[in-house]
Protein backbone atom coordinates (compact mmCIF):
# COMPACT_ATOMS: atom_id res chain seq x y z
CA MET A 1 71.06 144.33 162.32
CA THR A 2 70.61 141.07 160.39
CA LYS A 3 69.06 139.53 163.49
CA ILE A 4 66.33 142.19 163.45
CA ILE A 5 65.83 141.66 159.71
CA PHE A 6 65.40 137.91 160.20
CA LEU A 7 62.95 138.49 163.07
CA ILE A 8 60.89 140.90 160.99
CA LEU A 9 60.92 138.54 158.02
CA TYR A 10 59.82 135.65 160.24
CA LEU A 11 56.99 137.65 161.78
CA LEU A 12 55.91 138.78 158.31
CA THR A 13 55.71 135.16 157.11
CA VAL A 14 53.68 134.25 160.20
CA ALA A 15 51.42 137.21 159.49
CA GLY A 16 51.11 136.01 155.91
CA GLN A 17 50.06 132.55 157.06
CA LEU A 18 47.51 133.98 159.46
CA LEU A 19 46.18 136.35 156.79
CA LEU A 20 45.69 133.45 154.38
CA LYS A 21 43.82 131.52 157.07
CA ALA A 22 41.68 134.55 157.86
CA LEU A 23 40.87 135.01 154.16
CA ASN A 24 39.93 131.37 153.91
CA LEU A 25 37.71 131.60 156.98
CA GLN A 26 35.98 134.75 155.78
CA HIS A 27 35.48 133.27 152.32
CA ARG A 28 33.75 130.23 153.78
CA ARG A 29 31.37 132.53 155.64
CA THR A 30 30.52 134.81 152.73
CA ALA A 31 30.86 132.63 149.60
CA LYS A 32 27.69 131.67 147.78
CA ARG A 33 26.47 128.31 148.98
CA GLN A 34 24.95 127.19 145.70
CA LEU A 35 26.33 123.72 145.15
CA PRO A 36 26.69 122.27 141.63
CA GLU A 37 24.10 119.65 140.76
CA LEU A 38 26.32 116.64 141.38
CA PHE A 39 27.17 117.90 144.87
CA ALA A 40 23.63 119.00 145.68
CA GLU A 41 22.39 115.48 144.98
CA ARG A 42 24.64 114.06 147.70
CA ILE A 43 25.32 116.88 150.18
CA ASP A 44 22.41 118.62 151.87
CA GLN A 45 22.62 121.99 153.62
CA GLU A 46 22.88 120.38 157.04
CA ARG A 47 25.92 118.37 155.94
CA LEU A 48 27.42 121.46 154.33
CA ALA A 49 27.01 123.42 157.55
CA ARG A 50 28.62 120.53 159.42
CA SER A 51 31.66 120.62 157.12
CA GLU A 52 32.05 124.37 157.71
CA GLU A 53 31.85 123.84 161.46
CA TYR A 54 34.51 121.12 161.22
CA ALA A 55 36.83 123.35 159.16
CA LEU A 56 36.40 126.18 161.68
CA ALA A 57 37.21 123.89 164.60
CA LYS A 58 40.38 122.68 162.87
CA ASP A 59 41.39 126.26 162.09
CA ARG A 60 41.07 127.25 165.73
CA VAL A 61 43.30 124.41 166.91
CA GLY A 62 45.78 125.16 164.13
CA LEU A 63 45.87 128.82 165.14
CA VAL A 64 46.68 128.01 168.77
CA GLU A 65 49.37 125.54 167.70
CA THR A 66 50.88 128.11 165.33
CA LEU A 67 51.00 130.78 168.02
CA VAL A 68 52.63 128.41 170.51
CA GLY A 69 55.25 127.57 167.91
CA VAL A 70 55.88 131.25 167.18
CA VAL A 71 56.36 132.10 170.87
CA LEU A 72 58.78 129.20 171.39
CA THR A 73 60.72 130.02 168.21
CA VAL A 74 61.09 133.71 169.01
CA ALA A 75 62.14 132.96 172.59
CA PHE A 76 64.65 130.32 171.57
CA ILE A 77 66.30 131.91 168.54
CA PHE A 78 65.82 135.62 169.21
CA GLY A 79 65.40 135.72 172.98
CA GLY A 80 68.85 134.47 173.95
CA LEU A 81 67.97 130.87 174.82
CA LEU A 82 69.90 129.31 171.93
CA PRO A 83 73.44 130.30 173.06
CA TRP A 84 72.56 129.38 176.65
CA TYR A 85 71.26 125.98 175.56
CA ASP A 86 74.24 125.44 173.27
CA GLY A 87 76.63 126.16 176.14
CA LEU A 88 74.71 123.83 178.45
CA ILE A 89 74.97 120.95 175.97
CA GLY A 90 78.69 121.68 175.62
CA THR A 91 79.20 121.00 179.33
CA MET A 92 77.64 117.54 179.08
CA SER A 93 80.18 115.97 176.74
CA ASP A 94 83.31 116.72 174.73
CA GLY A 95 82.34 114.36 171.92
CA PHE A 96 81.31 115.95 168.63
CA ILE A 97 78.76 113.25 167.77
CA ILE A 98 77.40 112.90 171.32
CA ASN A 99 76.98 116.65 171.61
CA GLY A 100 75.08 116.73 168.33
CA LEU A 101 72.79 113.89 169.39
CA LEU A 102 72.07 115.59 172.71
CA PHE A 103 71.56 118.99 171.12
CA PHE A 104 69.01 117.84 168.56
CA GLY A 105 67.57 115.01 170.65
CA ILE A 106 66.44 117.24 173.51
CA ILE A 107 64.90 119.73 171.06
CA VAL A 108 62.99 116.96 169.28
CA LEU A 109 61.84 115.61 172.65
CA VAL A 110 60.54 119.02 173.73
CA GLN A 111 58.74 119.47 170.41
CA SER A 112 57.13 116.06 170.83
CA LEU A 113 55.99 116.88 174.37
CA VAL A 114 54.52 120.19 173.22
CA GLY A 115 52.67 118.36 170.45
CA ILE A 116 51.07 115.75 172.72
CA PRO A 117 48.24 117.97 174.05
CA PHE A 118 47.34 119.01 170.49
CA SER A 119 47.32 115.39 169.33
CA LEU A 120 45.10 114.38 172.25
CA TYR A 121 42.72 117.26 171.62
CA ARG A 122 42.48 116.56 167.91
CA ASN A 123 41.79 112.87 168.36
CA PHE A 124 39.64 112.74 171.48
CA VAL A 125 37.86 116.09 171.34
CA LEU A 126 37.72 117.50 167.83
CA GLU A 127 37.63 114.26 165.80
CA GLU A 128 35.41 112.64 168.42
CA ARG A 129 32.97 115.54 168.24
CA PHE A 130 32.54 115.12 164.48
CA GLY A 131 32.34 111.34 164.58
CA PHE A 132 35.72 110.51 163.04
CA ASN A 133 37.76 109.22 165.96
CA ARG A 134 37.71 105.47 166.52
CA MET A 135 40.88 105.19 168.57
CA SER A 136 40.98 104.17 172.18
CA VAL A 137 43.42 105.87 174.52
CA GLY A 138 45.31 102.58 174.69
CA LEU A 139 45.72 102.42 170.92
CA TRP A 140 46.81 106.05 170.84
CA LEU A 141 49.45 105.36 173.48
CA THR A 142 50.61 102.24 171.65
CA ASP A 143 50.98 104.18 168.41
CA MET A 144 52.88 106.93 170.21
CA VAL A 145 55.33 104.48 171.77
CA LYS A 146 55.92 102.72 168.45
CA SER A 147 56.43 106.04 166.69
CA LEU A 148 58.82 107.15 169.43
CA LEU A 149 60.92 104.00 169.18
CA ILE A 150 61.07 104.06 165.38
CA GLY A 151 61.73 107.80 165.32
CA THR A 152 64.49 107.49 167.91
CA LEU A 153 66.23 104.75 165.94
CA LEU A 154 66.06 106.70 162.69
CA PHE A 155 67.13 109.89 164.46
CA VAL A 156 70.24 108.26 165.93
CA VAL A 157 71.22 106.69 162.61
CA LEU A 158 70.66 109.87 160.58
CA VAL A 159 72.28 112.33 162.97
CA SER A 160 75.20 110.23 164.16
CA GLY A 161 75.96 109.05 160.62
CA ALA A 162 75.93 112.58 159.26
CA LEU A 163 78.08 113.95 162.08
CA TRP A 164 80.60 111.13 161.65
CA LEU A 165 80.90 112.00 157.95
CA VAL A 166 81.43 115.68 158.84
CA GLN A 167 84.37 114.64 161.00
CA ALA A 168 85.75 112.07 158.57
CA ALA A 169 85.62 114.27 155.45
CA PRO A 170 85.80 117.92 156.54
CA GLN A 171 86.37 119.24 152.99
CA SER A 172 83.71 117.19 151.20
CA TRP A 173 81.22 116.14 153.86
CA TRP A 174 78.34 117.85 152.06
CA LEU A 175 78.53 115.28 149.25
CA TRP A 176 78.95 112.31 151.57
CA VAL A 177 76.12 113.41 153.88
CA TRP A 178 73.82 113.87 150.90
CA GLY A 179 74.73 110.41 149.57
CA PHE A 180 74.15 108.85 152.99
CA TRP A 181 70.74 110.45 153.44
CA ALA A 182 69.71 109.72 149.84
CA GLY A 183 70.65 106.05 150.18
CA LEU A 184 68.88 105.75 153.50
CA SER A 185 65.70 107.37 152.15
CA VAL A 186 65.56 104.87 149.27
CA PHE A 187 66.24 102.03 151.69
CA LEU A 188 63.35 103.16 153.89
CA LEU A 189 61.04 103.26 150.87
CA LEU A 190 61.96 99.64 150.20
CA ILE A 191 61.54 98.32 153.74
CA SER A 192 58.70 100.52 155.00
CA PRO A 193 55.89 98.44 153.43
CA TYR A 194 57.27 95.30 155.10
CA LEU A 195 58.72 96.47 158.42
CA ILE A 196 57.23 99.83 159.45
CA GLU A 197 53.70 100.16 158.08
CA PRO A 198 52.59 96.71 159.38
CA LEU A 199 53.48 97.85 162.91
CA PHE A 200 50.51 100.21 162.76
CA PHE A 201 48.10 98.67 160.27
CA THR A 202 46.99 95.29 158.99
CA PHE A 203 47.19 94.93 155.23
CA LYS A 204 45.47 92.27 153.19
CA PRO A 205 44.37 91.67 149.60
CA LEU A 206 40.95 92.88 148.55
CA ASP A 207 38.32 90.57 150.04
CA LYS A 208 35.72 91.11 147.29
CA PRO A 209 36.21 88.44 144.58
CA GLU A 210 34.26 90.29 141.88
CA LEU A 211 36.03 93.55 142.61
CA GLU A 212 39.38 91.74 142.68
CA GLU A 213 38.73 90.36 139.20
CA ARG A 214 37.91 93.82 137.88
CA VAL A 215 41.03 95.17 139.56
CA ARG A 216 43.16 92.55 137.76
CA SER A 217 41.64 93.62 134.46
CA LEU A 218 42.25 97.29 135.27
CA LEU A 219 45.90 96.57 136.08
CA GLU A 220 46.30 94.78 132.75
CA ARG A 221 44.73 97.69 130.89
CA ALA A 222 47.08 100.09 132.69
CA GLY A 223 50.11 98.01 131.72
CA VAL A 224 51.04 97.31 135.32
CA THR A 225 52.83 94.01 135.84
CA ALA A 226 54.12 94.40 139.39
CA GLY A 227 52.93 95.66 142.72
CA LYS A 228 50.01 94.98 145.02
CA ILE A 229 46.55 96.37 145.63
CA LEU A 230 45.79 96.12 149.32
CA GLN A 231 43.15 97.18 151.78
CA VAL A 232 44.12 98.44 155.23
CA ASP A 233 42.18 98.49 158.49
CA ALA A 234 42.30 102.27 158.83
CA SER A 235 38.84 102.20 160.45
CA LYS A 236 40.47 101.16 163.74
CA ARG A 237 41.76 104.71 164.07
CA SER A 238 39.58 107.05 162.05
CA GLY A 239 36.42 107.34 160.00
CA HIS A 240 38.27 109.32 157.33
CA SER A 241 38.74 107.55 154.01
CA ASN A 242 41.58 107.69 151.53
CA ALA A 243 43.78 105.82 149.09
CA TYR A 244 47.50 106.24 148.56
CA PHE A 245 50.44 105.03 146.53
CA THR A 246 53.70 103.99 148.17
CA GLY A 247 56.91 102.09 147.60
CA ILE A 248 59.27 101.66 144.66
CA GLY A 249 60.40 98.74 142.54
CA LYS A 250 58.79 95.42 143.39
CA VAL A 251 57.34 96.78 146.63
CA LYS A 252 55.15 99.32 144.85
CA ARG A 253 51.61 99.19 146.16
CA VAL A 254 48.30 100.97 146.09
CA VAL A 255 46.57 100.98 149.46
CA LEU A 256 42.81 101.46 149.90
CA PHE A 257 41.36 102.31 153.30
CA ASP A 258 38.63 99.91 154.41
CA THR A 259 36.52 102.99 155.07
CA LEU A 260 36.88 103.83 151.39
CA LEU A 261 35.64 100.36 150.46
CA GLU A 262 32.59 100.95 152.63
CA GLN A 263 31.75 104.39 151.25
CA LEU A 264 32.22 103.94 147.49
CA ASP A 265 30.65 101.54 145.03
CA ASP A 266 32.85 99.31 142.87
CA ASP A 267 32.83 101.62 139.84
CA GLU A 268 33.92 104.56 141.97
CA LEU A 269 36.60 102.48 143.68
CA LEU A 270 38.01 101.40 140.34
CA ALA A 271 38.09 105.01 139.19
CA VAL A 272 39.98 106.02 142.35
CA LEU A 273 42.34 103.10 141.77
CA ALA A 274 42.84 104.23 138.16
CA HIS A 275 43.86 107.64 139.49
CA GLU A 276 46.44 106.06 141.80
CA LEU A 277 47.72 103.91 138.93
CA GLY A 278 48.13 107.15 137.01
CA HIS A 279 50.64 108.37 139.58
CA TRP A 280 52.42 105.05 139.23
CA ARG A 281 52.50 104.89 135.43
CA LEU A 282 53.33 108.57 134.93
CA GLY A 283 56.37 108.31 137.19
CA HIS A 284 55.27 110.94 139.68
CA LEU A 285 57.00 109.24 142.62
CA ARG A 286 60.22 108.97 140.63
CA VAL A 287 60.02 112.65 139.68
CA ARG A 288 59.40 113.65 143.30
CA LEU A 289 62.34 111.56 144.46
CA ILE A 290 64.68 113.09 141.90
CA LYS A 291 63.47 116.62 142.59
CA GLY A 292 63.81 116.07 146.33
CA GLN A 293 67.34 114.74 146.00
CA ILE A 294 68.42 117.65 143.82
CA VAL A 295 67.10 120.08 146.43
CA ALA A 296 68.82 118.05 149.18
CA LEU A 297 72.14 118.11 147.30
CA LEU A 298 71.99 121.87 146.81
CA SER A 299 71.00 122.32 150.45
CA CYS A 300 73.96 120.27 151.65
CA PHE A 301 76.35 122.34 149.55
CA VAL A 302 74.92 125.64 150.76
CA ALA A 303 75.10 124.38 154.34
CA PHE A 304 78.76 123.39 153.84
CA TYR A 305 79.59 126.83 152.44
CA LEU A 306 77.81 128.80 155.18
CA LEU A 307 79.11 126.65 158.02
CA ASN A 308 82.68 126.99 156.78
CA ALA A 309 82.25 130.74 156.42
CA GLN A 310 81.13 131.00 160.07
CA TRP A 311 78.68 133.77 159.26
CA LEU A 312 75.61 132.34 160.97
CA PRO A 313 76.35 133.20 164.62
CA GLY A 314 77.04 136.84 163.73
CA TRP A 315 73.89 137.07 161.63
CA PHE A 316 71.88 136.25 164.77
CA GLY A 317 73.92 138.38 167.16
CA ILE A 318 75.66 135.41 168.81
CA ASP A 319 79.37 135.45 169.59
CA ASP A 320 80.00 131.73 169.30
CA LEU A 321 77.92 128.70 168.44
CA SER A 322 78.64 124.99 168.03
CA PHE A 323 78.32 123.15 164.73
CA ALA A 324 74.97 121.71 165.87
CA GLY A 325 73.70 125.17 166.85
CA GLN A 326 74.62 126.56 163.45
CA VAL A 327 72.89 123.65 161.71
CA LEU A 328 69.76 124.46 163.69
CA LEU A 329 69.88 128.06 162.45
CA LEU A 330 70.29 126.77 158.90
CA GLY A 331 67.26 124.54 159.36
CA TRP A 332 65.26 127.50 160.64
CA LEU A 333 66.28 129.60 157.63
CA ALA A 334 65.32 126.75 155.31
CA ALA A 335 61.89 126.53 156.95
CA LEU A 336 61.52 130.29 156.51
CA LEU A 337 62.30 130.00 152.81
CA GLY A 338 59.92 127.05 152.64
CA PHE A 339 56.96 129.40 153.08
CA PHE A 340 57.83 131.03 149.76
CA TRP A 341 58.42 127.65 148.10
CA THR A 342 55.08 126.23 149.25
CA PRO A 343 52.99 127.72 146.38
CA VAL A 344 55.39 126.23 143.82
CA SER A 345 55.31 122.82 145.48
CA SER A 346 51.52 122.93 145.72
CA TRP A 347 51.19 123.90 142.06
CA TRP A 348 53.47 121.03 141.06
CA SER A 349 51.43 118.59 143.12
CA ARG A 350 48.14 119.82 141.64
CA ARG A 351 49.64 119.37 138.18
CA HIS A 352 50.42 115.74 139.00
CA GLU A 353 46.92 115.22 140.37
CA ARG A 354 45.39 116.61 137.20
CA GLN A 355 47.56 114.31 135.10
CA ALA A 356 46.51 111.32 137.20
CA ASP A 357 42.86 112.33 136.79
CA GLN A 358 43.33 112.45 133.02
CA PHE A 359 45.00 109.04 133.11
CA ALA A 360 41.98 107.68 135.01
CA ILE A 361 39.60 109.13 132.42
CA ASP A 362 41.59 107.58 129.57
CA LEU A 363 41.82 104.23 131.35
CA VAL A 364 38.17 103.80 132.32
CA GLY A 365 36.59 105.84 129.54
CA SER A 366 34.78 108.33 131.75
CA GLY A 367 35.42 110.82 134.52
CA ILE A 368 31.96 110.41 136.04
CA PRO A 369 32.74 107.53 138.46
CA LEU A 370 35.76 109.39 139.80
CA ALA A 371 33.71 112.59 140.06
CA THR A 372 30.88 110.93 141.99
CA GLY A 373 33.39 109.11 144.16
CA LEU A 374 35.13 112.38 145.03
CA VAL A 375 31.82 114.01 145.92
CA THR A 376 31.04 111.10 148.24
CA LEU A 377 34.47 111.39 149.86
CA ALA A 378 33.96 115.14 150.29
CA ARG A 379 30.68 114.44 152.05
CA GLU A 380 32.05 111.69 154.28
CA ASN A 381 35.25 113.59 155.18
CA LEU A 382 33.44 116.92 155.72
CA SER A 383 35.76 118.57 153.19
CA ASN A 384 35.85 122.33 152.78
CA LEU A 385 34.08 122.96 149.46
CA PHE A 386 34.59 126.74 149.42
CA PRO A 387 38.28 127.52 150.01
CA HIS A 388 39.56 130.99 149.19
CA PRO A 389 41.29 130.81 145.77
CA LEU A 390 44.52 132.32 147.11
CA TYR A 391 44.58 129.94 150.07
CA ALA A 392 44.00 126.99 147.75
CA ALA A 393 46.74 128.20 145.40
CA VAL A 394 49.27 128.34 148.23
CA TYR A 395 48.40 125.24 150.27
CA TYR A 396 46.24 122.80 148.31
CA SER A 397 48.12 119.78 146.96
CA HIS A 398 44.97 118.79 145.02
CA PRO A 399 42.67 120.98 142.94
CA ALA A 400 39.79 122.38 144.97
CA MET A 401 37.02 119.81 145.09
CA ILE A 402 34.28 121.61 143.15
CA GLU A 403 36.75 122.73 140.49
CA ARG A 404 38.16 119.22 140.21
CA VAL A 405 34.79 117.53 139.87
CA GLU A 406 33.60 120.02 137.26
CA TRP A 407 36.81 119.47 135.29
CA LEU A 408 36.23 115.71 135.35
CA GLN A 409 32.71 116.21 134.06
CA GLN A 410 33.87 118.53 131.28
CA LYS A 411 36.61 116.11 130.21
CA THR A 412 34.19 113.19 129.91
CA PRO A 413 33.11 112.59 126.30
CA THR A 414 29.36 112.76 125.74
CA GLY A 415 27.83 109.30 125.82
CA SER A 416 30.96 107.65 127.21
CA ASN A 417 30.59 104.59 129.42
CA PHE A 418 32.56 103.44 132.39
CA ASN A 419 34.42 100.32 131.31
CA ALA A 420 37.17 99.66 133.81
CA GLY A 421 37.87 95.98 134.00
CA THR A 422 35.20 95.01 131.47
CA GLU A 423 36.87 95.53 128.09
CA SER A 424 40.15 94.53 126.52
CA ALA A 425 43.35 96.51 126.75
CA ALA A 426 42.90 97.52 123.11
CA ASN A 427 40.17 99.86 124.25
């Protein structure tokens, strides 16, 4: 009976996702297309139509990918393939750790193979059609091989380490596994800027002397004494532009895409940088790390309790299932619950983004450069300017673009001037 309940619940969540996408699609078609003045100055109707066409194309690919995932999930978990697969893996080895590596490794491999056609289509058909793709097939293959090697190494370390701890401490493994994963995640944050990211991108200091001087002044005004501001050759792969914050401790860094440097003027770049510094100074990464580790700790304890109780196989109508098979069911249940957690996570992220926007306004004295920069990025990235409010509430990690820009304009004091990097920290 519980198996049927889980299947119905899963199909309802899938239906919910599809309904949200349908609402978003219909809203784009029927919403008024009157752009606010700041947008209308930079985005003409032809560009707006192009952005809607791009969003529709992405939705279609996403729909096919979702349906493929649903079919595979239903067949594997509810169609009887899981116990058959679990038994097959059990015949390959008697070792607890080896069995676990084989069980999860083959599943990850199949998922990767299924994802390859979608990745190829997105890069060389969809992104190419809208002028974003700049990757050659050779570069795509090189990236895939690098990702495969790095992913395999991390997979073996994470899975084998966790399974060894389960064997070594059967009554308290949940705490040890959590500690192991938490320590490894912090370690990866420390080494990623030096060992992993450079395998895919070339980072270098800003190559504009005047802009670099203004950046130094902005850092001083923000009270930042460590970290780096780098530009990355993202244009080798895509025409999309962005900026992001990464790392902890002395490896903290703000990274600006070279495409961003091409698309924005210096004032707008400094405003975007001020926003990223806001995340840094307001401790958003630290908060996310702590929140994530608390959730991970609770998840490990719940997993320990359910696995010891041996309820999972019966819940899914299976007579017997290995430890790895039960962990997979737990992961599936967690993903199911994740649909209901998504709106909360998105709200939290939007709250952080709003705080970083306010920090940028306070730091540079105006929200106008950030607002105009965001409008330019929306134009260049063909962003969806008319999302359905419910869809945005559930999935958007940032405030919707028009809403965000209007908020920046409203928060800007009348007669204020942009002063990033030109006045003393006392201002």
